[in-house]
Amino acid sequence: MSKQAAEHHTKAAEHHEHAARHHKEAAKHQEAGNHEKAAHHAHVAHGHHLHAIHHHEEATKSHLEHHGKK
């Protein structure tokens, strides 16, 4: 695997971890009835999810460029 693909995989994993933390915060605030903070954390989690998808796609492209399309 190319170094660039590995970096994208690492970044994707980090964004998934950030998203998970924000989902947990959203759940905590939702249970406490603080819907505004819950919505904020859910929105931030979604942003991290989108970044993770981006890095996944970049890792895939890098892999294909390095190993060729079969």
Foldseek 3Di string as FASTA:
>chain_A
DDPLLVVLQVLLVVLQVQLVVLCVVLVVCVVVVNNVSSVVSNVSSVVSNVSSVVSNVVSVVVVCVVVPDD
